[in-house]
Amino acid sequence: MAKHPPYMHDGSVPTLQAAVEHYDVGGIANPWLSTRVCKLDLSPAEKQALVRFLEALSGEGYADTAPTAFPE
């Protein structure tokens, strides 16, 4: 997970820390934001732990290579 920044569907978030901060404040208000998205109010230690957890999901020992071509 941590191997391929930037994050979000549009690449607007440069780091995992920034992604956690984004979700911690409840995202960005807009007409399409789900009412189920809410502030997390994480402590600094909780945010750091979450980032470390996400970094740990990267794992090792698998082939992490991009495809050379896409189907037409």
Protein backbone atom coordinates (compact mmCIF):
# COMPACT_ATOMS: atom_id res chain seq x y z
CA MET A 1 0.00 0.00 0.00
CA ALA A 2 2.69 2.51 0.95
CA LYS A 3 4.70 1.78 -2.18
CA HIS A 4 2.52 3.69 -4.62
CA PRO A 5 1.81 7.29 -3.68
CA PRO A 6 0.03 9.55 -4.39
CA TYR A 7 -3.24 8.36 -2.91
CA MET A 8 -6.98 8.77 -3.50
CA HIS A 9 -8.73 8.21 -6.79
CA ASP A 10 -7.26 11.39 -8.25
CA GLY A 11 -3.78 11.31 -6.72
CA SER A 12 -4.50 14.43 -4.69
CA VAL A 13 -2.97 13.16 -1.43
CA PRO A 14 0.83 12.80 -1.46
CA THR A 15 1.41 10.69 1.68
CA LEU A 16 -0.30 8.16 3.93
CA GLN A 17 -0.08 10.69 6.75
CA ALA A 18 -1.99 13.21 4.62
CA ALA A 19 -4.60 10.56 3.76
CA VAL A 20 -5.14 9.80 7.45
CA GLU A 21 -5.43 13.54 8.18
CA HIS A 22 -7.98 13.85 5.34
CA TYR A 23 -10.20 11.17 6.82
CA ASP A 24 -9.64 12.36 10.38
CA VAL A 25 -11.35 15.68 9.60
CA GLY A 26 -14.21 13.96 7.77
CA GLY A 27 -13.07 14.53 4.22
CA ILE A 28 -13.93 17.63 2.19
CA ALA A 29 -17.51 18.86 2.29
CA ASN A 30 -19.18 18.58 -1.12
CA PRO A 31 -22.62 17.66 -2.48
CA TRP A 32 -21.56 14.03 -3.12
CA LEU A 33 -20.00 13.33 0.28
CA SER A 34 -21.85 10.48 1.96
CA THR A 35 -23.65 11.33 5.18
CA ARG A 36 -21.93 8.24 6.60
CA VAL A 37 -18.52 9.95 6.43
CA CYS A 38 -17.76 11.65 9.73
CA LYS A 39 -14.86 13.10 11.69
CA LEU A 40 -12.69 10.51 13.38
CA ASP A 41 -11.06 12.81 15.95
CA LEU A 42 -8.01 10.55 16.28
CA SER A 43 -5.24 11.47 18.68
CA PRO A 44 -1.76 12.09 17.24
CA ALA A 45 -0.67 8.68 18.57
CA GLU A 46 -3.67 6.97 16.92
CA LYS A 47 -2.93 8.65 13.59
CA GLN A 48 0.71 7.58 13.78
CA ALA A 49 -0.32 4.01 14.64
CA LEU A 50 -2.74 3.94 11.70
CA VAL A 51 -0.07 5.16 9.29
CA ARG A 52 2.36 2.51 10.60
CA PHE A 53 -0.33 -0.16 10.18
CA LEU A 54 -1.01 0.91 6.59
CA GLU A 55 2.72 0.87 5.86
CA ALA A 56 2.90 -2.67 7.23
CA LEU A 57 0.31 -3.83 4.68
CA SER A 58 2.86 -3.34 1.90
CA GLY A 59 4.42 -6.69 2.70
CA GLU A 60 7.33 -8.29 0.91
CA GLY A 61 7.97 -11.28 -1.29
CA TYR A 62 5.43 -10.74 -4.03
CA ALA A 63 5.84 -9.46 -7.57
CA ASP A 64 4.89 -5.80 -7.54
CA THR A 65 5.28 -4.94 -11.19
CA ALA A 66 3.04 -2.97 -13.48
CA PRO A 67 1.58 -4.72 -16.54
CA THR A 68 3.43 -4.17 -19.79
CA ALA A 69 0.18 -3.83 -21.75
CA PHE A 70 -3.55 -3.55 -21.17
CA PRO A 71 -6.27 -5.45 -23.04
CA GLU A 72 -7.71 -3.62 -26.02
